[in-house]
């Protein structure tokens, strides 16, 4: 089950729900597979014209590592085909943002401490 507070996002594919997340281990495996540092992977995701389908498949595979490690690259491709590339990219983007929450929190005010 997906839990946004733990960095997880649900991807519904037919009657099957998959939990996507990017832990440190998942990101390391993704970096190794793509032979790119995580910052370049993120930049690739933001440039829709240069995103390759093989990269989308790798991103789906990487996001599945924590909760569905039994799924291989081919299985990740099957999931992406069934779910559709736009749905996969939206879920992957959400999971990626949840993996780096401090980046979005920059510039936001800290809540006041409760009075004793």
PDB file of N, CA and C in Angstrom:
ATOM      1  N   UNK A   1       0.846  -1.177   0.000  1.00  0.00           N
ATOM      2  CA  UNK A   1       0.000   0.000   0.000  1.00  0.00           C
ATOM      3  C   UNK A   1       0.893   1.242   0.000  1.00  0.00           C
ATOM      4  N   UNK A   2       0.545   2.201  -0.836  1.00  0.00           N
ATOM      5  CA  UNK A   2       1.342   3.414  -0.946  1.00  0.00           C
ATOM      6  C   UNK A   2       1.116   4.322   0.255  1.00  0.00           C
ATOM      7  N   UNK A   3       2.209   4.948   0.701  1.00  0.00           N
ATOM      8  CA  UNK A   3       2.160   5.856   1.837  1.00  0.00           C
ATOM      9  C   UNK A   3       3.002   7.075   1.483  1.00  0.00           C
ATOM     10  N   UNK A   4       2.352   8.199   1.160  1.00  0.00           N
ATOM     11  CA  UNK A   4       3.079   9.409   0.755  1.00  0.00           C
ATOM     12  C   UNK A   4       4.067   9.867   1.817  1.00  0.00           C
ATOM     13  N   UNK A   5       3.755   9.644   3.085  1.00  0.00           N
ATOM     14  CA  UNK A   5       4.650  10.077   4.152  1.00  0.00           C
ATOM     15  C   UNK A   5       5.940   9.269   4.165  1.00  0.00           C
ATOM     16  N   UNK A   6       5.913   8.094   3.583  1.00  0.00           N
ATOM     17  CA  UNK A   6       7.117   7.268   3.487  1.00  0.00           C
ATOM     18  C   UNK A   6       7.699   7.294   2.084  1.00  0.00           C
ATOM     19  N   UNK A   7       7.203   8.185   1.247  1.00  0.00           N
ATOM     20  CA  UNK A   7       7.740   8.344  -0.090  1.00  0.00           C
ATOM     21  C   UNK A   7       7.183   7.390  -1.116  1.00  0.00           C
ATOM     22  N   UNK A   8       6.048   6.776  -0.837  1.00  0.00           N
ATOM     23  CA  UNK A   8       5.465   5.791  -1.740  1.00  0.00           C
ATOM     24  C   UNK A   8       4.285   6.369  -2.508  1.00  0.00           C
ATOM     25  N   UNK A   9       4.153   5.907  -3.748  1.00  0.00           N
ATOM     26  CA  UNK A   9       3.070   6.324  -4.630  1.00  0.00           C
ATOM     27  C   UNK A   9       2.448   5.068  -5.224  1.00  0.00           C
ATOM     28  N   UNK A  10       1.131   5.049  -5.348  1.00  0.00           N
ATOM     29  CA  UNK A  10       0.441   3.905  -5.947  1.00  0.00           C
ATOM     30  C   UNK A  10       0.347   4.088  -7.456  1.00  0.00           C
ATOM     31  N   UNK A  11       0.555   2.991  -8.177  1.00  0.00           N
ATOM     32  CA  UNK A  11       0.319   2.948  -9.618  1.00  0.00           C
ATOM     33  C   UNK A  11      -0.676   1.826  -9.851  1.00  0.00           C
ATOM     34  N   UNK A  12      -1.886   2.191 -10.229  1.00  0.00           N
ATOM     35  CA  UNK A  12      -2.938   1.205 -10.473  1.00  0.00           C
ATOM     36  C   UNK A  12      -2.848   0.755 -11.923  1.00  0.00           C
ATOM     37  N   UNK A  13      -2.713  -0.554 -12.118  1.00  0.00           N
ATOM     38  CA  UNK A  13      -2.628  -1.131 -13.451  1.00  0.00           C
ATOM     39  C   UNK A  13      -3.676  -2.240 -13.518  1.00  0.00           C
ATOM     40  N   UNK A  14      -4.804  -1.929 -14.116  1.00  0.00           N
ATOM     41  CA  UNK A  14      -5.908  -2.883 -14.119  1.00  0.00           C
ATOM     42  C   UNK A  14      -6.375  -3.113 -12.697  1.00  0.00           C
ATOM     43  N   UNK A  15      -6.419  -4.383 -12.294  1.00  0.00           N
ATOM     44  CA  UNK A  15      -6.842  -4.693 -10.924  1.00  0.00           C
ATOM     45  C   UNK A  15      -5.662  -4.837  -9.966  1.00  0.00           C
ATOM     46  N   UNK A  16      -4.456  -4.564 -10.441  1.00  0.00           N
ATOM     47  CA  UNK A  16      -3.241  -4.685  -9.632  1.00  0.00           C
ATOM     48  C   UNK A  16      -2.724  -3.300  -9.245  1.00  0.00           C
ATOM     49  N   UNK A  17      -2.419  -3.116  -7.972  1.00  0.00           N
ATOM     50  CA  UNK A  17      -1.821  -1.864  -7.498  1.00  0.00           C
ATOM     51  C   UNK A  17      -0.353  -2.112  -7.193  1.00  0.00           C
ATOM     52  N   UNK A  18       0.509  -1.270  -7.721  1.00  0.00           N
ATOM     53  CA  UNK A  18       1.943  -1.350  -7.459  1.00  0.00           C
ATOM     54  C   UNK A  18       2.346  -0.150  -6.612  1.00  0.00           C
ATOM     55  N   UNK A  19       3.316  -0.362  -5.732  1.00  0.00           N
ATOM     56  CA  UNK A  19       3.828   0.707  -4.887  1.00  0.00           C
ATOM     57  C   UNK A  19       5.181   1.141  -5.429  1.00  0.00           C
ATOM     58  N   UNK A  20       5.270   2.398  -5.814  1.00  0.00           N
ATOM     59  CA  UNK A  20       6.506   2.959  -6.360  1.00  0.00           C
ATOM     60  C   UNK A  20       7.171   3.836  -5.309  1.00  0.00           C
ATOM     61  N   UNK A  21       8.486   3.731  -5.202  1.00  0.00           N
ATOM     62  CA  UNK A  21       9.243   4.611  -4.311  1.00  0.00           C
ATOM     63  C   UNK A  21      10.701   4.598  -4.741  1.00  0.00           C
ATOM     64  N   UNK A  22      11.434   5.608  -4.304  1.00  0.00           N
ATOM     65  CA  UNK A  22      12.853   5.721  -4.627  1.00  0.00           C
ATOM     66  C   UNK A  22      13.659   5.865  -3.342  1.00  0.00           C
ATOM     67  N   UNK A  23      13.981   4.740  -2.723  1.00  0.00           N
ATOM     68  CA  UNK A  23      14.874   4.745  -1.565  1.00  0.00           C
ATOM     69  C   UNK A  23      16.302   4.949  -2.065  1.00  0.00           C
ATOM     70  N   UNK A  24      17.224   5.080  -1.150  1.00  0.00           N
ATOM     71  CA  UNK A  24      18.630   5.202  -1.532  1.00  0.00           C
ATOM     72  C   UNK A  24      19.060   3.973  -2.331  1.00  0.00           C
ATOM     73  N   UNK A  25      18.682   2.786  -1.870  1.00  0.00           N
ATOM     74  CA  UNK A  25      19.064   1.569  -2.587  1.00  0.00           C
ATOM     75  C   UNK A  25      18.452   1.521  -3.983  1.00  0.00           C
ATOM     76  N   UNK A  26      17.191   1.897  -4.100  1.00  0.00           N
ATOM     77  CA  UNK A  26      16.541   1.902  -5.408  1.00  0.00           C
ATOM     78  C   UNK A  26      17.222   2.898  -6.343  1.00  0.00           C
ATOM     79  N   UNK A  27      17.574   4.070  -5.823  1.00  0.00           N
ATOM     80  CA  UNK A  27      18.260   5.069  -6.641  1.00  0.00           C
ATOM     81  C   UNK A  27      19.640   4.587  -7.068  1.00  0.00           C
ATOM     82  N   UNK A  28      20.345   3.890  -6.184  1.00  0.00           N
ATOM     83  CA  UNK A  28      21.659   3.344  -6.543  1.00  0.00           C
ATOM     84  C   UNK A  28      21.534   2.328  -7.673  1.00  0.00           C
ATOM     85  N   UNK A  29      20.528   1.451  -7.576  1.00  0.00           N
ATOM     86  CA  UNK A  29      20.323   0.464  -8.637  1.00  0.00           C
ATOM     87  C   UNK A  29      19.968   1.144  -9.955  1.00  0.00           C
ATOM     88  N   UNK A  30      19.159   2.196  -9.890  1.00  0.00           N
ATOM     89  CA  UNK A  30      18.788   2.935 -11.090  1.00  0.00           C
ATOM     90  C   UNK A  30      19.999   3.640 -11.696  1.00  0.00           C
ATOM     91  N   UNK A  31      20.826   4.266 -10.853  1.00  0.00           N
ATOM     92  CA  UNK A  31      22.057   4.898 -11.347  1.00  0.00           C
ATOM     93  C   UNK A  31      22.946   3.878 -12.044  1.00  0.00           C
ATOM     94  N   UNK A  32      23.086   2.697 -11.441  1.00  0.00           N
ATOM     95  CA  UNK A  32      23.920   1.652 -12.039  1.00  0.00           C
ATOM     96  C   UNK A  32      23.365   1.202 -13.387  1.00  0.00           C
ATOM     97  N   UNK A  33      22.055   1.026 -13.460  1.00  0.00           N
ATOM     98  CA  UNK A  33      21.434   0.567 -14.702  1.00  0.00           C
ATOM     99  C   UNK A  33      21.595   1.590 -15.818  1.00  0.00           C
ATOM    100  N   UNK A  34      21.341   2.851 -15.520  1.00  0.00           N
ATOM    101  CA  UNK A  34      21.401   3.903 -16.535  1.00  0.00           C
ATOM    102  C   UNK A  34      22.795   4.500 -16.709  1.00  0.00           C
ATOM    103  N   UNK A  35      23.698   4.187 -15.797  1.00  0.00           N
ATOM    104  CA  UNK A  35      25.051   4.739 -15.814  1.00  0.00           C
ATOM    105  C   UNK A  35      25.017   6.277 -15.813  1.00  0.00           C
ATOM    106  N   UNK A  36      24.116   6.806 -14.986  1.00  0.00           N
ATOM    107  CA  UNK A  36      23.964   8.253 -14.836  1.00  0.00           C
ATOM    108  C   UNK A  36      23.794   8.592 -13.363  1.00  0.00           C
ATOM    109  N   UNK A  37      24.287   9.754 -12.929  1.00  0.00           N
ATOM    110  CA  UNK A  37      24.018  10.189 -11.554  1.00  0.00           C
ATOM    111  C   UNK A  37      22.554  10.611 -11.423  1.00  0.00           C
ATOM    112  N   UNK A  38      22.053  10.584 -10.217  1.00  0.00           N
ATOM    113  CA  UNK A  38      20.637  10.859  -9.974  1.00  0.00           C
ATOM    114  C   UNK A  38      20.221  12.243 -10.474  1.00  0.00           C
ATOM    115  N   UNK A  39      21.092  13.226 -10.397  1.00  0.00           N
ATOM    116  CA  UNK A  39      20.751  14.571 -10.878  1.00  0.00           C
ATOM    117  C   UNK A  39      20.494  14.568 -12.387  1.00  0.00           C
ATOM    118  N   UNK A  40      21.268  13.793 -13.132  1.00  0.00           N
ATOM    119  CA  UNK A  40      21.058  13.717 -14.586  1.00  0.00           C
ATOM    120  C   UNK A  40      19.805  12.914 -14.916  1.00  0.00           C
ATOM    121  N   UNK A  41      19.505  11.918 -14.089  1.00  0.00           N
ATOM    122  CA  UNK A  41      18.265  11.163 -14.285  1.00  0.00           C
ATOM    123  C   UNK A  41      17.078  12.098 -14.097  1.00  0.00           C
ATOM    124  N   UNK A  42      17.120  12.914 -13.050  1.00  0.00           N
ATOM    125  CA  UNK A  42      16.041  13.875 -12.791  1.00  0.00           C
ATOM    126  C   UNK A  42      15.922  14.874 -13.937  1.00  0.00           C
ATOM    127  N   UNK A  43      17.051  15.351 -14.438  1.00  0.00           N
ATOM    128  CA  UNK A  43      17.029  16.305 -15.548  1.00  0.00           C
ATOM    129  C   UNK A  43      16.428  15.672 -16.798  1.00  0.00           C
ATOM    130  N   UNK A  44      16.738  14.414 -17.032  1.00  0.00           N
ATOM    131  CA  UNK A  44      16.180  13.692 -18.178  1.00  0.00           C
ATOM    132  C   UNK A  44      14.665  13.604 -18.068  1.00  0.00           C
ATOM    133  N   UNK A  45      14.178  13.351 -16.856  1.00  0.00           N
ATOM    134  CA  UNK A  45      12.730  13.245 -16.642  1.00  0.00           C
ATOM    135  C   UNK A  45      12.026  14.563 -16.940  1.00  0.00           C
ATOM    136  N   UNK A  46      12.716  15.674 -16.740  1.00  0.00           N
ATOM    137  CA  UNK A  46      12.114  16.990 -16.941  1.00  0.00           C
ATOM    138  C   UNK A  46      12.160  17.463 -18.386  1.00  0.00           C
ATOM    139  N   UNK A  47      12.851  16.726 -19.249  1.00  0.00           N
ATOM    140  CA  UNK A  47      12.972  17.111 -20.652  1.00  0.00           C
ATOM    141  C   UNK A  47      12.203  16.105 -21.503  1.00  0.00           C
ATOM    142  N   UNK A  48      10.915  16.355 -21.696  1.00  0.00           N
ATOM    143  CA  UNK A  48      10.029  15.395 -22.364  1.00  0.00           C
ATOM    144  C   UNK A  48      10.499  15.030 -23.771  1.00  0.00           C
ATOM    145  N   UNK A  49      11.141  15.950 -24.470  1.00  0.00           N
ATOM    146  CA  UNK A  49      11.589  15.673 -25.834  1.00  0.00           C
ATOM    147  C   UNK A  49      12.717  14.654 -25.884  1.00  0.00           C
ATOM    148  N   UNK A  50      13.507  14.562 -24.825  1.00  0.00           N
ATOM    149  CA  UNK A  50      14.660  13.672 -24.834  1.00  0.00           C
ATOM    150  C   UNK A  50      14.464  12.392 -24.031  1.00  0.00           C
ATOM    151  N   UNK A  51      13.271  12.184 -23.463  1.00  0.00           N
ATOM    152  CA  UNK A  51      13.035  10.971 -22.673  1.00  0.00           C
ATOM    153  C   UNK A  51      12.886   9.789 -23.614  1.00  0.00           C
ATOM    154  N   UNK A  52      13.696   8.771 -23.365  1.00  0.00           N
ATOM    155  CA  UNK A  52      13.624   7.544 -24.156  1.00  0.00           C
ATOM    156  C   UNK A  52      12.692   6.559 -23.460  1.00  0.00           C
ATOM    157  N   UNK A  53      12.032   5.718 -24.235  1.00  0.00           N
ATOM    158  CA  UNK A  53      11.141   4.710 -23.664  1.00  0.00           C
ATOM    159  C   UNK A  53      11.935   3.748 -22.791  1.00  0.00           C
ATOM    160  N   UNK A  54      13.168   3.455 -23.168  1.00  0.00           N
ATOM    161  CA  UNK A  54      13.999   2.571 -22.338  1.00  0.00           C
ATOM    162  C   UNK A  54      14.289   3.215 -20.981  1.00  0.00           C
ATOM    163  N   UNK A  55      14.370   4.539 -20.951  1.00  0.00           N
ATOM    164  CA  UNK A  55      14.561   5.242 -19.683  1.00  0.00           C
ATOM    165  C   UNK A  55      13.297   5.165 -18.833  1.00  0.00           C
ATOM    166  N   UNK A  56      12.136   5.304 -19.460  1.00  0.00           N
ATOM    167  CA  UNK A  56      10.873   5.179 -18.725  1.00  0.00           C
ATOM    168  C   UNK A  56      10.774   3.786 -18.119  1.00  0.00           C
ATOM    169  N   UNK A  57      11.096   2.762 -18.910  1.00  0.00           N
ATOM    170  CA  UNK A  57      11.065   1.389 -18.400  1.00  0.00           C
ATOM    171  C   UNK A  57      12.019   1.239 -17.225  1.00  0.00           C
ATOM    172  N   UNK A  58      13.217   1.808 -17.330  1.00  0.00           N
ATOM    173  CA  UNK A  58      14.195   1.732 -16.240  1.00  0.00           C
ATOM    174  C   UNK A  58      13.686   2.459 -14.996  1.00  0.00           C
ATOM    175  N   UNK A  59      13.040   3.601 -15.183  1.00  0.00           N
ATOM    176  CA  UNK A  59      12.488   4.348 -14.050  1.00  0.00           C
ATOM    177  C   UNK A  59      11.386   3.558 -13.353  1.00  0.00           C
ATOM    178  N   UNK A  60      10.522   2.913 -14.129  1.00  0.00           N
ATOM    179  CA  UNK A  60       9.478   2.077 -13.535  1.00  0.00           C
ATOM    180  C   UNK A  60      10.130   0.948 -12.753  1.00  0.00           C
ATOM    181  N   UNK A  61      11.110   0.288 -13.352  1.00  0.00           N
ATOM    182  CA  UNK A  61      11.827  -0.811 -12.688  1.00  0.00           C
ATOM    183  C   UNK A  61      12.470  -0.321 -11.387  1.00  0.00           C
ATOM    184  N   UNK A  62      13.154   0.819 -11.450  1.00  0.00           N
ATOM    185  CA  UNK A  62      13.806   1.357 -10.257  1.00  0.00           C
ATOM    186  C   UNK A  62      12.809   1.688  -9.158  1.00  0.00           C
ATOM    187  N   UNK A  63      11.668   2.250  -9.549  1.00  0.00           N
ATOM    188  CA  UNK A  63      10.646   2.620  -8.568  1.00  0.00           C
ATOM    189  C   UNK A  63       9.981   1.399  -7.939  1.00  0.00           C
ATOM    190  N   UNK A  64      10.055   0.261  -8.609  1.00  0.00           N
ATOM    191  CA  UNK A  64       9.472  -0.980  -8.087  1.00  0.00           C
ATOM    192  C   UNK A  64      10.415  -1.743  -7.155  1.00  0.00           C
ATOM    193  N   UNK A  65      11.691  -1.403  -7.130  1.00  0.00           N
ATOM    194  CA  UNK A  65      12.697  -2.196  -6.413  1.00  0.00           C
ATOM    195  C   UNK A  65      12.348  -2.420  -4.943  1.00  0.00           C
ATOM    196  N   UNK A  66      11.861  -1.411  -4.254  1.00  0.00           N
ATOM    197  CA  UNK A  66      11.635  -1.518  -2.812  1.00  0.00           C
ATOM    198  C   UNK A  66      10.485  -2.447  -2.444  1.00  0.00           C
ATOM    199  N   UNK A  67       9.438  -2.457  -3.243  1.00  0.00           N
ATOM    200  CA  UNK A  67       8.232  -3.195  -2.866  1.00  0.00           C
ATOM    201  C   UNK A  67       7.904  -4.370  -3.782  1.00  0.00           C
ATOM    202  N   UNK A  68       8.531  -4.427  -4.947  1.00  0.00           N
ATOM    203  CA  UNK A  68       8.234  -5.481  -5.925  1.00  0.00           C
ATOM    204  C   UNK A  68       9.541  -5.925  -6.589  1.00  0.00           C
ATOM    205  N   UNK A  69      10.503  -6.330  -5.791  1.00  0.00           N
ATOM    206  CA  UNK A  69      11.839  -6.650  -6.311  1.00  0.00           C
ATOM    207  C   UNK A  69      11.841  -7.848  -7.252  1.00  0.00           C
ATOM    208  N   UNK A  70      10.767  -8.626  -7.259  1.00  0.00           N
ATOM    209  CA  UNK A  70      10.692  -9.791  -8.136  1.00  0.00           C
ATOM    210  C   UNK A  70      10.440  -9.403  -9.595  1.00  0.00           C
ATOM    211  N   UNK A  71      10.051  -8.151  -9.847  1.00  0.00           N
ATOM    212  CA  UNK A  71       9.747  -7.709 -11.212  1.00  0.00           C
ATOM    213  C   UNK A  71      11.037  -7.278 -11.903  1.00  0.00           C
ATOM    214  N   UNK A  72      11.304  -7.897 -13.052  1.00  0.00           N
ATOM    215  CA  UNK A  72      12.512  -7.571 -13.811  1.00  0.00           C
ATOM    216  C   UNK A  72      12.215  -6.447 -14.815  1.00  0.00           C
ATOM    217  N   UNK A  73      13.217  -6.105 -15.620  1.00  0.00           N
ATOM    218  CA  UNK A  73      13.057  -5.021 -16.589  1.00  0.00           C
ATOM    219  C   UNK A  73      11.923  -5.293 -17.569  1.00  0.00           C
ATOM    220  N   UNK A  74      11.844  -6.519 -18.065  1.00  0.00           N
ATOM    221  CA  UNK A  74      10.779  -6.866 -19.004  1.00  0.00           C
ATOM    222  C   UNK A  74       9.418  -6.700 -18.330  1.00  0.00           C
ATOM    223  N   UNK A  75       9.303  -7.147 -17.091  1.00  0.00           N
ATOM    224  CA  UNK A  75       8.058  -6.975 -16.347  1.00  0.00           C
ATOM    225  C   UNK A  75       7.715  -5.512 -16.146  1.00  0.00           C
ATOM    226  N   UNK A  76       8.735  -4.695 -15.885  1.00  0.00           N
ATOM    227  CA  UNK A  76       8.515  -3.255 -15.734  1.00  0.00           C
ATOM    228  C   UNK A  76       8.014  -2.660 -17.045  1.00  0.00           C
ATOM    229  N   UNK A  77       8.548  -3.149 -18.162  1.00  0.00           N
ATOM    230  CA  UNK A  77       8.070  -2.701 -19.469  1.00  0.00           C
ATOM    231  C   UNK A  77       6.626  -3.096 -19.713  1.00  0.00           C
ATOM    232  N   UNK A  78       6.260  -4.300 -19.287  1.00  0.00           N
ATOM    233  CA  UNK A  78       4.869  -4.747 -19.420  1.00  0.00           C
ATOM    234  C   UNK A  78       3.933  -3.863 -18.597  1.00  0.00           C
ATOM    235  N   UNK A  79       4.366  -3.521 -17.379  1.00  0.00           N
ATOM    236  CA  UNK A  79       3.566  -2.643 -16.517  1.00  0.00           C
ATOM    237  C   UNK A  79       3.410  -1.271 -17.177  1.00  0.00           C
ATOM    238  N   UNK A  80       4.498  -0.733 -17.713  1.00  0.00           N
ATOM    239  CA  UNK A  80       4.449   0.573 -18.373  1.00  0.00           C
ATOM    240  C   UNK A  80       3.537   0.537 -19.595  1.00  0.00           C
ATOM    241  N   UNK A  81       3.583  -0.560 -20.345  1.00  0.00           N
ATOM    242  CA  UNK A  81       2.718  -0.687 -21.524  1.00  0.00           C
ATOM    243  C   UNK A  81       1.251  -0.710 -21.139  1.00  0.00           C
ATOM    244  N   UNK A  82       0.933  -1.449 -20.090  1.00  0.00           N
ATOM    245  CA  UNK A  82      -0.459  -1.582 -19.659  1.00  0.00           C
ATOM    246  C   UNK A  82      -0.971  -0.303 -19.005  1.00  0.00           C
ATOM    247  N   UNK A  83      -0.163   0.300 -18.153  1.00  0.00           N
ATOM    248  CA  UNK A  83      -0.580   1.520 -17.444  1.00  0.00           C
ATOM    249  C   UNK A  83      -0.601   2.728 -18.366  1.00  0.00           C
ATOM    250  N   UNK A  84       0.298   2.741 -19.331  1.00  0.00           N
ATOM    251  CA  UNK A  84       0.461   3.890 -20.214  1.00  0.00           C
ATOM    252  C   UNK A  84       1.613   4.763 -19.738  1.00  0.00           C
ATOM    253  N   UNK A  85       2.360   5.285 -20.680  1.00  0.00           N
ATOM    254  CA  UNK A  85       3.538   6.099 -20.361  1.00  0.00           C
ATOM    255  C   UNK A  85       3.163   7.344 -19.548  1.00  0.00           C
ATOM    256  N   UNK A  86       2.112   8.093 -19.915  1.00  0.00           N
ATOM    257  CA  UNK A  86       1.782   9.282 -19.114  1.00  0.00           C
ATOM    258  C   UNK A  86       1.476   8.960 -17.651  1.00  0.00           C
ATOM    259  N   UNK A  87       0.713   7.895 -17.400  1.00  0.00           N
ATOM    260  CA  UNK A  87       0.391   7.517 -16.013  1.00  0.00           C
ATOM    261  C   UNK A  87       1.649   7.113 -15.262  1.00  0.00           C
ATOM    262  N   UNK A  88       2.532   6.391 -15.931  1.00  0.00           N
ATOM    263  CA  UNK A  88       3.792   5.980 -15.295  1.00  0.00           C
ATOM    264  C   UNK A  88       4.653   7.189 -14.967  1.00  0.00           C
ATOM    265  N   UNK A  89       4.784   8.111 -15.910  1.00  0.00           N
ATOM    266  CA  UNK A  89       5.630   9.278 -15.676  1.00  0.00           C
ATOM    267  C   UNK A  89       5.070  10.161 -14.564  1.00  0.00           C
ATOM    268  N   UNK A  90       3.754  10.256 -14.474  1.00  0.00           N
ATOM    269  CA  UNK A  90       3.165  11.045 -13.390  1.00  0.00           C
ATOM    270  C   UNK A  90       3.475  10.410 -12.036  1.00  0.00           C
ATOM    271  N   UNK A  91       3.289   9.092 -11.933  1.00  0.00           N
ATOM    272  CA  UNK A  91       3.560   8.391 -10.670  1.00  0.00           C
ATOM    273  C   UNK A  91       5.042   8.430 -10.328  1.00  0.00           C
ATOM    274  N   UNK A  92       5.892   8.249 -11.319  1.00  0.00           N
ATOM    275  CA  UNK A  92       7.339   8.291 -11.095  1.00  0.00           C
ATOM    276  C   UNK A  92       7.756   9.683 -10.632  1.00  0.00           C
ATOM    277  N   UNK A  93       7.204  10.714 -11.270  1.00  0.00           N
ATOM    278  CA  UNK A  93       7.512  12.084 -10.866  1.00  0.00           C
ATOM    279  C   UNK A  93       7.127  12.352  -9.422  1.00  0.00           C
ATOM    280  N   UNK A  94       5.951  11.871  -9.023  1.00  0.00           N
ATOM    281  CA  UNK A  94       5.518  12.041  -7.633  1.00  0.00           C
ATOM    282  C   UNK A  94       6.461  11.315  -6.683  1.00  0.00           C
ATOM    283  N   UNK A  95       6.813  10.076  -7.017  1.00  0.00           N
ATOM    284  CA  UNK A  95       7.707   9.293  -6.156  1.00  0.00           C
ATOM    285  C   UNK A  95       9.085   9.948  -6.071  1.00  0.00           C
ATOM    286  N   UNK A  96       9.557  10.496  -7.185  1.00  0.00           N
ATOM    287  CA  UNK A  96      10.862  11.157  -7.198  1.00  0.00           C
ATOM    288  C   UNK A  96      10.829  12.400  -6.310  1.00  0.00           C
ATOM    289  N   UNK A  97       9.759  13.184  -6.404  1.00  0.00           N
ATOM    290  CA  UNK A  97       9.641  14.380  -5.552  1.00  0.00           C
ATOM    291  C   UNK A  97       9.580  13.993  -4.077  1.00  0.00           C
ATOM    292  N   UNK A  98       8.894  12.908  -3.763  1.00  0.00           N
ATOM    293  CA  UNK A  98       8.819  12.452  -2.372  1.00  0.00           C
ATOM    294  C   UNK A  98      10.164  11.947  -1.859  1.00  0.00           C
ATOM    295  N   UNK A  99      11.018  11.485  -2.766  1.00  0.00           N
ATOM    296  CA  UNK A  99      12.344  11.007  -2.365  1.00  0.00           C
ATOM    297  C   UNK A  99      13.257  12.158  -1.957  1.00  0.00           C
ATOM    298  N   UNK A 100      12.941  13.365  -2.421  1.00  0.00           N
ATOM    299  CA  UNK A 100      13.756  14.543  -2.127  1.00  0.00           C
ATOM    300  C   UNK A 100      12.877  15.668  -1.574  1.00  0.00           C
ATOM    301  N   UNK A 101      12.235  15.456  -0.432  1.00  0.00           N
ATOM    302  CA  UNK A 101      11.274  16.445   0.083  1.00  0.00           C
ATOM    303  C   UNK A 101      11.894  17.770   0.482  1.00  0.00           C
ATOM    304  N   UNK A 102      13.139  17.786   0.903  1.00  0.00           N
ATOM    305  CA  UNK A 102      13.760  19.035   1.332  1.00  0.00           C
ATOM    306  C   UNK A 102      13.894  20.008   0.177  1.00  0.00           C
ATOM    307  N   UNK A 103      13.968  19.529  -1.047  1.00  0.00           N
ATOM    308  CA  UNK A 103      14.080  20.421  -2.195  1.00  0.00           C
ATOM    309  C   UNK A 103      12.809  21.251  -2.358  1.00  0.00           C
ATOM    310  N   UNK A 104      11.643  20.641  -2.150  1.00  0.00           N
ATOM    311  CA  UNK A 104      10.393  21.369  -2.282  1.00  0.00           C
ATOM    312  C   UNK A 104      10.123  22.252  -1.080  1.00  0.00           C
ATOM    313  N   UNK A 105      10.696  21.912   0.063  1.00  0.00           N
ATOM    314  CA  UNK A 105      10.417  22.647   1.297  1.00  0.00           C
ATOM    315  C   UNK A 105      11.251  23.914   1.431  1.00  0.00           C
ATOM    316  N   UNK A 106      12.235  24.116   0.564  1.00  0.00           N
ATOM    317  CA  UNK A 106      13.075  25.304   0.663  1.00  0.00           C
ATOM    318  C   UNK A 106      12.221  26.558   0.554  1.00  0.00           C
ATOM    319  N   UNK A 107      12.494  27.487   1.440  1.00  0.00           N
ATOM    320  CA  UNK A 107      11.811  28.762   1.407  1.00  0.00           C
ATOM    321  C   UNK A 107      10.474  28.775   2.116  1.00  0.00           C
ATOM    322  N   UNK A 108      10.054  27.642   2.629  1.00  0.00           N
ATOM    323  CA  UNK A 108       8.791  27.634   3.367  1.00  0.00           C
ATOM    324  C   UNK A 108       9.078  27.905   4.831  1.00  0.00           C
ATOM    325  N   UNK A 109       8.184  28.628   5.449  1.00  0.00           N
ATOM    326  CA  UNK A 109       8.362  28.986   6.858  1.00  0.00           C
ATOM    327  C   UNK A 109       8.170  27.768   7.744  1.00  0.00           C
ATOM    328  N   UNK A 110       8.931  27.728   8.818  1.00  0.00           N
ATOM    329  CA  UNK A 110       8.791  26.645   9.791  1.00  0.00           C
ATOM    330  C   UNK A 110       7.607  26.958  10.692  1.00  0.00           C
ATOM    331  N   UNK A 111       6.858  25.951  11.079  1.00  0.00           N
ATOM    332  CA  UNK A 111       5.730  26.214  11.980  1.00  0.00           C
ATOM    333  C   UNK A 111       6.222  26.676  13.345  1.00  0.00           C
ATOM    334  N   UNK A 112       5.424  27.480  13.988  1.00  0.00           N
ATOM    335  CA  UNK A 112       5.784  27.963  15.320  1.00  0.00           C
ATOM    336  C   UNK A 112       5.708  26.824  16.315  1.00  0.00           C
ATOM    337  N   UNK A 113       6.549  26.919  17.338  1.00  0.00           N
ATOM    338  CA  UNK A 113       6.528  25.918  18.405  1.00  0.00           C
ATOM    339  C   UNK A 113       5.301  26.143  19.274  1.00  0.00           C
ATOM    340  N   UNK A 114       4.765  25.058  19.769  1.00  0.00           N
ATOM    341  CA  UNK A 114       3.596  25.145  20.651  1.00  0.00           C
ATOM    342  C   UNK A 114       3.999  25.772  21.974  1.00  0.00           C
ATOM    343  N   UNK A 115       3.101  26.527  22.545  1.00  0.00           N
ATOM    344  CA  UNK A 115       3.372  27.135  23.849  1.00  0.00           C
ATOM    345  C   UNK A 115       3.248  26.072  24.918  1.00  0.00           C
ATOM    346  N   UNK A 116       4.133  26.156  25.901  1.00  0.00           N
ATOM    347  CA  UNK A 116       4.127  25.161  26.982  1.00  0.00           C
ATOM    348  C   UNK A 116       3.058  25.420  27.997  1.00  0.00           C
TER     349      UNK A 116
END
